[in-house]
Amino acid sequence: MNATNRTDSMDINLIDIVPSPCVSICALDEDDVCVGCFRTGQEISHWGRMNPDQQRQVIERCQQRMCGDIAPCLVAKNQ
């Protein structure tokens, strides 16, 4: 594998990296939702084990919660 191919494969992998929505204001409200990033406690604790598609779904739910919409936790309580 030459250097160009290695770089191309690294670029593809970087596309799959979803940055954490954490804004370093970590406090859960009475509904177990962070007042900073709008993830649930379960979503926060499972973030590193989620695949990129799941992480994107969590971010979509966070955006819904920010707008005051109901968005159930992506992570089942028993996981």
Foldseek 3Di string as FASTA:
>chain_A
DDPVVVVVVVVVVVVFDDDDQDPPQADADPVQAGPGQRAHPVCVVCVVVDGSVLRVVRNVLSVCVVVVHDDDHPDDPVD
